[in-house]
C-alpha atoms as a PDB file:
ATOM      1  CA  MET A   1       8.691  22.611-100.329  1.00  0.00           C
ATOM      2  CA  GLN A   2       7.762  23.810 -96.898  1.00  0.00           C
ATOM      3  CA  ASN A   3       4.353  25.027 -95.859  1.00  0.00           C
ATOM      4  CA  ALA A   4       3.665  27.642 -93.209  1.00  0.00           C
ATOM      5  CA  ASN A   5       0.450  29.108 -91.779  1.00  0.00           C
ATOM      6  CA  ASN A   6      -1.461  26.411 -93.569  1.00  0.00           C
ATOM      7  CA  ASN A   7      -5.128  25.759 -92.902  1.00  0.00           C
ATOM      8  CA  ASN A   8      -7.755  23.591 -94.522  1.00  0.00           C
ATOM      9  CA  ASP A   9      -9.304  26.421 -96.558  1.00  0.00           C
ATOM     10  CA  THR A  10      -6.607  26.767 -99.201  1.00  0.00           C
ATOM     11  CA  GLN A  11      -4.021  24.329-100.550  1.00  0.00           C
ATOM     12  CA  PHE A  12      -1.321  24.235-103.193  1.00  0.00           C
ATOM     13  CA  GLN A  13      -0.467  21.177-105.221  1.00  0.00           C
ATOM     14  CA  LEU A  14       2.475  21.250-107.606  1.00  0.00           C
ATOM     15  CA  TYR A  15       1.084  20.059-110.928  1.00  0.00           C
ATOM     16  CA  LYS A  16       3.900  20.362-113.470  1.00  0.00           C
ATOM     17  CA  ILE A  17       7.285  21.989-114.149  1.00  0.00           C
ATOM     18  CA  ILE A  18       8.207  23.288-117.620  1.00  0.00           C
ATOM     19  CA  GLN A  19      11.961  23.654-118.139  1.00  0.00           C
ATOM     20  CA  ASN A  20      14.059  25.841-120.440  1.00  0.00           C
ATOM     21  CA  GLU A  21      17.502  24.291-120.731  1.00  0.00           C
ATOM     22  CA  GLU A  22      18.997  27.180-122.721  1.00  0.00           C
ATOM     23  CA  ASN A  23      18.089  30.281-120.725  1.00  0.00           C
ATOM     24  CA  SER A  24      15.911  31.666-117.933  1.00  0.00           C
ATOM     25  CA  PHE A  25      12.291  32.578-118.584  1.00  0.00           C
ATOM     26  CA  TYR A  26      11.268  36.191-117.979  1.00  0.00           C
ATOM     27  CA  VAL A  27       7.551  36.500-118.753  1.00  0.00           C
ATOM     28  CA  ILE A  28       4.541  34.279-119.549  1.00  0.00           C
ATOM     29  CA  THR A  29       0.981  34.644-120.822  1.00  0.00           C
ATOM     30  CA  LEU A  30      -1.956  32.256-121.116  1.00  0.00           C
ATOM     31  CA  ASN A  31      -4.841  32.243-123.605  1.00  0.00           C
ATOM     32  CA  ASN A  32      -8.434  32.372-122.402  1.00  0.00           C
ATOM     33  CA  LYS A  33      -8.993  28.631-122.917  1.00  0.00           C
ATOM     34  CA  GLY A  34      -5.948  27.803-120.803  1.00  0.00           C
ATOM     35  CA  ASN A  35      -4.465  25.389-123.346  1.00  0.00           C
ATOM     36  CA  LEU A  36      -1.820  27.699-124.878  1.00  0.00           C
ATOM     37  CA  LEU A  37       1.028  29.205-122.905  1.00  0.00           C
ATOM     38  CA  MET A  38       3.613  31.565-124.415  1.00  0.00           C
ATOM     39  CA  ALA A  39       6.863  32.244-122.563  1.00  0.00           C
ATOM     40  CA  GLY A  40       9.632  34.739-123.305  1.00  0.00           C
ATOM     41  CA  ASP A  41      13.241  34.522-122.173  1.00  0.00           C
ATOM     42  CA  PHE A  42      16.245  36.810-121.671  1.00  0.00           C
ATOM     43  CA  ASP A  43      17.607  36.163-125.185  1.00  0.00           C
ATOM     44  CA  GLY A  44      14.450  37.338-126.968  1.00  0.00           C
ATOM     45  CA  ASN A  45      13.169  33.815-127.650  1.00  0.00           C
ATOM     46  CA  MET A  46       9.500  32.944-127.347  1.00  0.00           C
ATOM     47  CA  PHE A  47       8.199  29.429-126.676  1.00  0.00           C
ATOM     48  CA  LEU A  48       4.661  28.227-127.389  1.00  0.00           C
ATOM     49  CA  TYR A  49       3.299  25.373-125.258  1.00  0.00           C
ATOM     50  CA  GLU A  50       0.072  23.468-125.787  1.00  0.00           C
ATOM     51  CA  ASN A  51      -1.151  21.695-122.669  1.00  0.00           C
ATOM     52  CA  CYS A  52       2.353  22.179-121.212  1.00  0.00           C
ATOM     53  CA  SER A  53       4.124  20.533-124.199  1.00  0.00           C
ATOM     54  CA  LEU A  54       6.446  22.654-126.374  1.00  0.00           C
ATOM     55  CA  ILE A  55       5.082  22.896-129.932  1.00  0.00           C
ATOM     56  CA  ASN A  56       7.033  25.833-131.383  1.00  0.00           C
ATOM     57  CA  SER A  57       9.662  28.494-130.693  1.00  0.00           C
ATOM     58  CA  TYR A  58      10.227  31.920-132.250  1.00  0.00           C
ATOM     59  CA  ARG A  59      12.970  34.538-132.305  1.00  0.00           C
ATOM     60  CA  TYR A  60      11.377  37.891-133.092  1.00  0.00           C
ATOM     61  CA  HIS A  61      13.277  40.086-130.660  1.00  0.00           C
ATOM     62  CA  LYS A  62      16.973  40.849-130.239  1.00  0.00           C
ATOM     63  CA  LYS A  63      16.760  41.461-126.471  1.00  0.00           C
ATOM     64  CA  PHE A  64      14.754  40.001-123.616  1.00  0.00           C
ATOM     65  CA  VAL A  65      10.972  39.824-123.835  1.00  0.00           C
ATOM     66  CA  ILE A  66       9.393  42.040-121.155  1.00  0.00           C
ATOM     67  CA  THR A  67       5.661  41.646-121.802  1.00  0.00           C
ATOM     68  CA  LEU A  68       3.353  39.165-123.543  1.00  0.00           C
ATOM     69  CA  LYS A  69      -0.421  39.135-123.978  1.00  0.00           C
ATOM     70  CA  PHE A  70      -2.977  37.006-125.824  1.00  0.00           C
ATOM     71  CA  SER A  71      -6.037  38.817-127.155  1.00  0.00           C
ATOM     72  CA  PRO A  72      -9.379  37.856-125.536  1.00  0.00           C
ATOM     73  CA  THR A  73     -10.209  35.140-128.119  1.00  0.00           C
ATOM     74  CA  GLY A  74      -6.593  34.071-128.643  1.00  0.00           C
ATOM     75  CA  LYS A  75      -6.555  35.219-132.269  1.00  0.00           C
ATOM     76  CA  TYR A  76      -3.624  37.566-131.652  1.00  0.00           C
ATOM     77  CA  LEU A  77      -0.551  37.602-129.451  1.00  0.00           C
ATOM     78  CA  ALA A  78       1.447  40.741-128.670  1.00  0.00           C
ATOM     79  CA  SER A  79       4.974  40.991-127.307  1.00  0.00           C
ATOM     80  CA  GLY A  80       7.114  43.874-126.086  1.00  0.00           C
ATOM     81  CA  SER A  81      10.854  43.821-125.648  1.00  0.00           C
ATOM     82  CA  ALA A  82      13.945  45.617-124.415  1.00  0.00           C
ATOM     83  CA  ASP A  83      14.821  46.081-128.108  1.00  0.00           C
ATOM     84  CA  CYS A  84      12.044  48.762-128.119  1.00  0.00           C
ATOM     85  CA  LYS A  85       9.905  46.774-130.566  1.00  0.00           C
ATOM     86  CA  ILE A  86       6.384  45.349-130.461  1.00  0.00           C
ATOM     87  CA  GLY A  87       5.546  42.002-132.017  1.00  0.00           C
ATOM     88  CA  ARG A  88       2.043  41.120-133.196  1.00  0.00           C
ATOM     89  CA  VAL A  89       1.337  37.506-134.117  1.00  0.00           C
ATOM     90  CA  GLU A  90      -1.909  36.303-135.706  1.00  0.00           C
ATOM     91  CA  ILE A  91      -2.660  32.718-134.712  1.00  0.00           C
ATOM     92  CA  ASP A  92      -5.044  30.129-136.118  1.00  0.00           C
ATOM     93  CA  GLY A  93      -5.346  27.373-133.553  1.00  0.00           C
ATOM     94  CA  THR A  94      -1.703  26.730-132.764  1.00  0.00           C
ATOM     95  CA  GLN A  95      -0.278  27.908-136.106  1.00  0.00           C
ATOM     96  CA  GLN A  96       1.179  31.329-136.807  1.00  0.00           C
ATOM     97  CA  ILE A  97      -0.340  32.798-139.972  1.00  0.00           C
ATOM     98  CA  GLN A  98       1.080  36.330-139.797  1.00  0.00           C
ATOM     99  CA  PHE A  99       3.748  38.220-137.872  1.00  0.00           C
ATOM    100  CA  ARG A 100       4.389  41.972-137.746  1.00  0.00           C
ATOM    101  CA  LEU A 101       7.257  43.754-135.970  1.00  0.00           C
ATOM    102  CA  LEU A 102       6.417  47.351-135.030  1.00  0.00           C
ATOM    103  CA  SER A 103       9.209  49.871-134.410  1.00  0.00           C
ATOM    104  CA  HIS A 104       7.662  53.012-132.942  1.00  0.00           C
ATOM    105  CA  HIS A 105       9.106  53.222-129.422  1.00  0.00           C
ATOM    106  CA  LYS A 106      12.501  54.588-128.386  1.00  0.00           C
ATOM    107  CA  ALA A 107      12.824  52.695-125.097  1.00  0.00           C
ATOM    108  CA  TYR A 108      11.747  49.440-123.429  1.00  0.00           C
ATOM    109  CA  VAL A 109       8.195  48.295-124.170  1.00  0.00           C
ATOM    110  CA  MET A 110       6.836  47.667-120.674  1.00  0.00           C
ATOM    111  CA  LYS A 111       3.254  46.556-121.305  1.00  0.00           C
ATOM    112  CA  VAL A 112       0.949  45.491-124.143  1.00  0.00           C
ATOM    113  CA  ASP A 113      -2.801  44.900-124.048  1.00  0.00           C
ATOM    114  CA  PHE A 114      -5.738  44.257-126.391  1.00  0.00           C
ATOM    115  CA  SER A 115      -9.186  45.819-126.184  1.00  0.00           C
ATOM    116  CA  PRO A 116     -12.008  43.436-125.202  1.00  0.00           C
ATOM    117  CA  ASN A 117     -13.327  43.515-128.803  1.00  0.00           C
ATOM    118  CA  GLU A 118      -9.771  42.896-130.145  1.00  0.00           C
ATOM    119  CA  ASN A 119      -9.933  45.959-132.416  1.00  0.00           C
ATOM    120  CA  TYR A 120      -7.101  47.785-130.656  1.00  0.00           C
ATOM    121  CA  LEU A 121      -3.599  46.938-129.476  1.00  0.00           C
ATOM    122  CA  LEU A 122      -1.981  49.231-126.899  1.00  0.00           C
ATOM    123  CA  SER A 123       1.652  49.545-125.888  1.00  0.00           C
ATOM    124  CA  ALA A 124       3.208  51.412-122.955  1.00  0.00           C
ATOM    125  CA  SER A 125       6.893  52.234-122.994  1.00  0.00           C
ATOM    126  CA  SER A 126       9.491  53.779-120.710  1.00  0.00           C
ATOM    127  CA  ASP A 127       9.853  56.443-123.418  1.00  0.00           C
ATOM    128  CA  LYS A 128       6.633  57.812-121.765  1.00  0.00           C
ATOM    129  CA  GLN A 129       4.491  57.065-124.806  1.00  0.00           C
ATOM    130  CA  LEU A 130       1.203  55.193-125.090  1.00  0.00           C
ATOM    131  CA  LEU A 131       0.578  53.931-128.624  1.00  0.00           C
ATOM    132  CA  VAL A 132      -2.737  52.723-130.068  1.00  0.00           C
ATOM    133  CA  PHE A 133      -2.691  50.328-133.058  1.00  0.00           C
ATOM    134  CA  ASN A 134      -5.306  48.640-135.186  1.00  0.00           C
ATOM    135  CA  SER A 135      -4.911  45.006-134.130  1.00  0.00           C
ATOM    136  CA  LYS A 136      -5.546  43.589-137.598  1.00  0.00           C
ATOM    137  CA  SER A 137      -3.668  46.009-139.869  1.00  0.00           C
ATOM    138  CA  CYS A 138      -1.122  47.131-137.223  1.00  0.00           C
ATOM    139  CA  GLU A 139      -1.666  50.729-138.350  1.00  0.00           C
ATOM    140  CA  LEU A 140      -0.589  53.276-135.733  1.00  0.00           C
ATOM    141  CA  LEU A 141      -3.764  55.189-134.859  1.00  0.00           C
ATOM    142  CA  SER A 142      -2.795  57.421-131.933  1.00  0.00           C
ATOM    143  CA  ARG A 143       0.180  58.455-129.834  1.00  0.00           C
ATOM    144  CA  TYR A 144       0.008  59.930-126.305  1.00  0.00           C
ATOM    145  CA  TYR A 145       2.783  61.269-124.097  1.00  0.00           C
ATOM    146  CA  PHE A 146       2.830  61.098-120.270  1.00  0.00           C
ATOM    147  CA  PRO A 147       5.505  63.111-118.457  1.00  0.00           C
ATOM    148  CA  TYR A 148       5.238  60.997-115.285  1.00  0.00           C
ATOM    149  CA  GLY A 149       6.532  57.958-117.144  1.00  0.00           C
ATOM    150  CA  LEU A 150       4.597  54.938-118.296  1.00  0.00           C
ATOM    151  CA  ASN A 151       4.844  51.403-116.925  1.00  0.00           C
ATOM    152  CA  PHE A 152       1.403  49.875-117.317  1.00  0.00           C
ATOM    153  CA  VAL A 153      -1.762  50.023-119.400  1.00  0.00           C
ATOM    154  CA  GLN A 154      -4.819  47.790-119.177  1.00  0.00           C
ATOM    155  CA  PHE A 155      -8.348  47.861-120.515  1.00  0.00           C
ATOM    156  CA  ILE A 156     -11.008  47.791-117.808  1.00  0.00           C
ATOM    157  CA  SER A 157     -13.806  47.853-120.388  1.00  0.00           C
ATOM    158  CA  GLU A 158     -14.330  48.783-124.032  1.00  0.00           C
ATOM    159  CA  SER A 159     -14.356  52.465-123.128  1.00  0.00           C
ATOM    160  CA  LYS A 160     -12.095  52.738-120.103  1.00  0.00           C
ATOM    161  CA  LEU A 161      -8.360  52.322-119.533  1.00  0.00           C
ATOM    162  CA  PHE A 162      -6.314  52.099-116.387  1.00  0.00           C
ATOM    163  CA  ILE A 163      -2.778  53.374-116.700  1.00  0.00           C
ATOM    164  CA  TYR A 164       0.037  54.304-114.370  1.00  0.00           C
ATOM    165  CA  GLY A 165       3.537  55.683-114.552  1.00  0.00           C
ATOM    166  CA  THR A 166       6.645  55.453-112.429  1.00  0.00           C
ATOM    167  CA  PHE A 167       5.855  58.351-110.098  1.00  0.00           C
ATOM    168  CA  GLY A 168       2.108  58.701-110.319  1.00  0.00           C
ATOM    169  CA  SER A 169      -1.057  56.964-111.362  1.00  0.00           C
ATOM    170  CA  LEU A 170      -3.451  58.231-114.030  1.00  0.00           C
ATOM    171  CA  ASN A 171      -7.012  57.165-114.616  1.00  0.00           C
ATOM    172  CA  LEU A 172      -7.892  57.478-118.307  1.00  0.00           C
ATOM    173  CA  ARG A 173     -11.402  57.334-119.753  1.00  0.00           C
ATOM    174  CA  ASN A 174     -13.318  57.665-123.008  1.00  0.00           C
ATOM    175  CA  PHE A 175     -11.273  55.294-125.154  1.00  0.00           C
ATOM    176  CA  PRO A 176     -10.518  55.571-128.054  1.00  0.00           C
ATOM    177  CA  LYS A 177     -10.838  59.343-127.627  1.00  0.00           C
ATOM    178  CA  ILE A 178      -8.625  59.463-124.572  1.00  0.00           C
ATOM    179  CA  LYS A 179      -9.397  62.173-122.049  1.00  0.00           C
ATOM    180  CA  LYS A 180      -7.025  62.639-119.165  1.00  0.00           C
ATOM    181  CA  CYS A 181      -8.607  62.615-115.727  1.00  0.00           C
ATOM    182  CA  ASP A 182      -7.233  63.727-112.378  1.00  0.00           C
ATOM    183  CA  LYS A 183      -4.057  62.145-111.160  1.00  0.00           C
ATOM    184  CA  MET A 184      -4.780  59.465-108.610  1.00  0.00           C
ATOM    185  CA  LYS A 185      -3.978  60.126-104.977  1.00  0.00           C
ATOM    186  CA  ASN A 186      -1.586  57.228-104.514  1.00  0.00           C
ATOM    187  CA  PRO A 187       0.055  56.184-101.213  1.00  0.00           C
ATOM    188  CA  GLN A 188       3.136  58.312-102.032  1.00  0.00           C
ATOM    189  CA  HIS A 189       5.150  55.355-103.282  1.00  0.00           C
ATOM    190  CA  GLN A 190       6.305  54.296-106.709  1.00  0.00           C
ATOM    191  CA  ILE A 191       3.684  51.998-108.202  1.00  0.00           C
ATOM    192  CA  LYS A 192       5.015  48.616-109.268  1.00  0.00           C
ATOM    193  CA  GLN A 193       2.091  46.239-109.699  1.00  0.00           C
ATOM    194  CA  VAL A 194      -1.658  46.578-110.130  1.00  0.00           C
ATOM    195  CA  SER A 195      -4.390  43.956-110.088  1.00  0.00           C
ATOM    196  CA  LEU A 196      -8.044  44.772-110.725  1.00  0.00           C
ATOM    197  CA  ILE A 197     -11.310  43.373-109.423  1.00  0.00           C
ATOM    198  CA  ASN A 198     -14.528  44.231-111.241  1.00  0.00           C
ATOM    199  CA  ASN A 199     -17.997  44.643-109.775  1.00  0.00           C
ATOM    200  CA  ILE A 200     -17.085  44.459-106.090  1.00  0.00           C
ATOM    201  CA  SER A 201     -19.237  46.819-103.976  1.00  0.00           C
ATOM    202  CA  ASN A 202     -20.123  48.701-107.177  1.00  0.00           C
ATOM    203  CA  SER A 203     -16.560  49.937-107.591  1.00  0.00           C
ATOM    204  CA  GLN A 204     -13.212  48.892-108.947  1.00  0.00           C
ATOM    205  CA  LEU A 205     -10.774  47.641-106.338  1.00  0.00           C
ATOM    206  CA  PHE A 206      -7.123  47.134-106.959  1.00  0.00           C
ATOM    207  CA  LEU A 207      -4.037  46.139-105.052  1.00  0.00           C
ATOM    208  CA  MET A 208      -0.641  47.671-105.607  1.00  0.00           C
ATOM    209  CA  ASN A 209       2.751  47.720-103.992  1.00  0.00           C
ATOM    210  CA  GLY A 210       5.056  50.681-103.972  1.00  0.00           C
ATOM    211  CA  GLN A 211       8.586  51.670-103.163  1.00  0.00           C
ATOM    212  CA  LYS A 212       8.508  49.487-100.069  1.00  0.00           C
ATOM    213  CA  ARG A 213       8.288  46.322-102.094  1.00  0.00           C
ATOM    214  CA  SER A 214       7.061  44.123 -99.220  1.00  0.00           C
ATOM    215  CA  GLN A 215       3.922  46.242 -98.715  1.00  0.00           C
ATOM    216  CA  ALA A 216       0.675  46.247-100.672  1.00  0.00           C
ATOM    217  CA  TYR A 217      -2.548  48.222-100.574  1.00  0.00           C
ATOM    218  CA  LEU A 218      -6.173  47.539-101.400  1.00  0.00           C
ATOM    219  CA  ILE A 219      -7.686  50.748-102.757  1.00  0.00           C
ATOM    220  CA  ASN A 220     -11.144  51.887-103.790  1.00  0.00           C
ATOM    221  CA  GLN A 221     -10.794  53.275-107.307  1.00  0.00           C
ATOM    222  CA  ILE A 222     -13.716  55.686-106.985  1.00  0.00           C
ATOM    223  CA  ASN A 223     -12.583  57.638-103.912  1.00  0.00           C
ATOM    224  CA  PHE A 224      -8.976  56.348-103.821  1.00  0.00           C
ATOM    225  CA  LYS A 225      -9.175  55.490-100.133  1.00  0.00           C
ATOM    226  CA  ILE A 226      -6.903  52.762 -98.798  1.00  0.00           C
ATOM    227  CA  ILE A 227      -9.137  49.954 -97.569  1.00  0.00           C
ATOM    228  CA  ARG A 228      -6.463  47.513 -96.404  1.00  0.00           C
ATOM    229  CA  ARG A 229      -2.701  47.433 -95.968  1.00  0.00           C
ATOM    230  CA  PHE A 230      -0.730  44.204 -96.366  1.00  0.00           C
ATOM    231  CA  GLN A 231       2.753  43.197 -95.287  1.00  0.00           C
ATOM    232  CA  THR A 232       4.344  39.992 -96.581  1.00  0.00           C
ATOM    233  CA  GLU A 233       5.118  37.485 -93.882  1.00  0.00           C
ATOM    234  CA  ASN A 234       8.914  37.748 -93.978  1.00  0.00           C
ATOM    235  CA  LYS A 235       9.059  41.185 -95.653  1.00  0.00           C
ATOM    236  CA  HIS A 236      10.022  39.658 -99.008  1.00  0.00           C
ATOM    237  CA  ASP A 237       9.665  41.795-102.139  1.00  0.00           C
ATOM    238  CA  ILE A 238       6.322  41.368-103.897  1.00  0.00           C
ATOM    239  CA  MET A 239       6.859  40.391-107.533  1.00  0.00           C
ATOM    240  CA  ASN A 240       3.250  39.922-108.704  1.00  0.00           C
ATOM    241  CA  ILE A 241      -0.239  40.407-107.330  1.00  0.00           C
ATOM    242  CA  HIS A 242      -3.393  38.520-108.288  1.00  0.00           C
ATOM    243  CA  LEU A 243      -6.894  39.084-106.920  1.00  0.00           C
ATOM    244  CA  LYS A 244      -9.396  36.255-107.170  1.00  0.00           C
ATOM    245  CA  ASP A 245     -12.736  36.391-105.377  1.00  0.00           C
ATOM    246  CA  LEU A 246     -11.884  37.316-101.773  1.00  0.00           C
ATOM    247  CA  LYS A 247      -8.258  36.201-101.955  1.00  0.00           C
ATOM    248  CA  ALA A 248      -5.067  38.054-102.804  1.00  0.00           C
ATOM    249  CA  ILE A 249      -2.280  35.859-104.188  1.00  0.00           C
ATOM    250  CA  LEU A 250       1.159  37.414-103.730  1.00  0.00           C
ATOM    251  CA  THR A 251       4.183  35.866-105.398  1.00  0.00           C
ATOM    252  CA  THR A 252       7.232  37.236-103.617  1.00  0.00           C
ATOM    253  CA  SER A 253      10.951  36.904-104.266  1.00  0.00           C
ATOM    254  CA  GLU A 254      11.094  33.825-102.047  1.00  0.00           C
ATOM    255  CA  ASN A 255       7.613  32.392-101.550  1.00  0.00           C
ATOM    256  CA  ILE A 256       3.916  32.510-102.432  1.00  0.00           C
ATOM    257  CA  GLU A 257       1.308  33.830-100.023  1.00  0.00           C
ATOM    258  CA  ILE A 258      -2.474  33.732-100.153  1.00  0.00           C
ATOM    259  CA  LEU A 259      -4.326  36.313 -98.070  1.00  0.00           C
ATOM    260  CA  ASP A 260      -7.924  37.052 -97.279  1.00  0.00           C
ATOM    261  CA  TRP A 261      -8.016  40.671 -98.523  1.00  0.00           C
ATOM    262  CA  VAL A 262     -11.078  41.449 -96.416  1.00  0.00           C
ATOM    263  CA  THR A 263      -9.281  40.688 -93.136  1.00  0.00           C
ATOM    264  CA  ALA A 264      -5.640  40.878 -94.370  1.00  0.00           C
ATOM    265  CA  ARG A 265      -5.085  37.469 -92.750  1.00  0.00           C
ATOM    266  CA  ILE A 266      -2.529  35.109 -94.309  1.00  0.00           C
ATOM    267  CA  LEU A 267      -4.306  31.874 -95.242  1.00  0.00           C
ATOM    268  CA  PHE A 268      -1.396  29.973 -96.728  1.00  0.00           C
ATOM    269  CA  SER A 269       2.322  30.384 -97.374  1.00  0.00           C
ATOM    270  CA  LEU A 270       4.482  28.212 -99.595  1.00  0.00           C
ATOM    271  CA  ASP A 271       8.263  28.228 -99.801  1.00  0.00           C
ATOM    272  CA  SER A 272       8.971  28.032-103.539  1.00  0.00           C
ATOM    273  CA  SER A 273      12.546  26.714-103.025  1.00  0.00           C
ATOM    274  CA  THR A 274      13.794  29.075-105.767  1.00  0.00           C
ATOM    275  CA  ARG A 275      13.215  32.752-106.560  1.00  0.00           C
ATOM    276  CA  ILE A 276       9.880  33.579-108.173  1.00  0.00           C
ATOM    277  CA  GLY A 277       9.635  36.073-111.037  1.00  0.00           C
ATOM    278  CA  SER A 278       6.540  36.870-113.076  1.00  0.00           C
ATOM    279  CA  SER A 279       3.379  34.869-112.465  1.00  0.00           C
ATOM    280  CA  LEU A 280      -0.257  34.593-113.517  1.00  0.00           C
ATOM    281  CA  VAL A 281      -3.456  32.875-112.464  1.00  0.00           C
ATOM    282  CA  SER A 282      -5.672  31.114-115.010  1.00  0.00           C
ATOM    283  CA  ASP A 283      -9.040  32.701-115.779  1.00  0.00           C
ATOM    284  CA  ASP A 284     -10.876  29.928-113.933  1.00  0.00           C
ATOM    285  CA  GLY A 285      -8.734  30.541-110.826  1.00  0.00           C
ATOM    286  CA  MET A 286      -7.592  26.913-110.688  1.00  0.00           C
ATOM    287  CA  TYR A 287      -3.923  27.219-111.654  1.00  0.00           C
ATOM    288  CA  LEU A 288      -1.029  29.450-110.672  1.00  0.00           C
ATOM    289  CA  TYR A 289       1.836  29.714-113.183  1.00  0.00           C
ATOM    290  CA  ALA A 290       5.100  31.153-111.852  1.00  0.00           C
ATOM    291  CA  VAL A 291       8.482  31.735-113.490  1.00  0.00           C
ATOM    292  CA  SER A 292      11.326  30.414-111.369  1.00  0.00           C
ATOM    293  CA  ARG A 293      14.596  30.964-113.255  1.00  0.00           C
ATOM    294  CA  ASN A 294      14.671  28.418-116.091  1.00  0.00           C
ATOM    295  CA  ASN A 295      11.430  26.752-114.926  1.00  0.00           C
ATOM    296  CA  ILE A 296       7.733  27.522-115.116  1.00  0.00           C
ATOM    297  CA  LYS A 297       6.088  25.950-112.100  1.00  0.00           C
ATOM    298  CA  ILE A 298       2.368  25.245-112.268  1.00  0.00           C
ATOM    299  CA  TRP A 299       0.376  24.790-109.067  1.00  0.00           C
ATOM    300  CA  ILE A 300      -3.218  23.699-108.654  1.00  0.00           C
ATOM    301  CA  LEU A 301      -5.060  26.044-106.308  1.00  0.00           C
ATOM    302  CA  LYS A 302      -7.479  24.071-104.178  1.00  0.00           C
ATOM    303  CA  ASN A 303     -10.199  25.763-102.159  1.00  0.00           C
END
């Protein structure tokens, strides 16, 4: 590994590498305690790790797993796949006690999310539908259609959703009685990734990259003004975006960059040696998990 633009404020330390000898990982999710990690691969397999040790594997889907999400307390896990199906697993500790496979979409399931109170499970699909389920019974409660396409859905609070499609962003409120609000004035690019910060300057701030995959924007959600523009150091495609405190962590196709999003200054850059796919940062901000082909690399983020 090769470091560039390094200073004493921020450091990476490679902590552990999890390997999949059979196939390449595609997506990962972490529970709120940080002890359980679920990973999905291109064959539809799912692997459950406890403290980085494999404890179980599942085959619920017939095609690759696109999205995974633990519920806030870790009681449930949801999965979405290229086979157009949603999986909902109920977990007690590390043991599966119930599994349901839901077949309501007609295209790839791009994103799943649970409400903060765990009562609702949402799914967004490239069939342009947003579905709302009861998390416990898996009953389909509501179905919404968005002509702009649908790539992403996330709860901001119990009563507010953020959602965007391929060619435009929508801000939705009043959950579970969804009321469509004005279409967001985006930077005229396809929206690929969104990361949210709560309670900064009394507004929601989020970072997204568009059709020019090496560029990112910091935007005020209330007035939709662009606050900062970012360009990756070597114009590599941005794969994932994470906002923690005053830092933006960008995992690109070739490296990982940490920026000060107030000044847009690059604090640290790390050559990952292999291509980086999906990634996440633990809730405590201490660990970065990144998929790199058939590996999950875990770095300690030191401040």
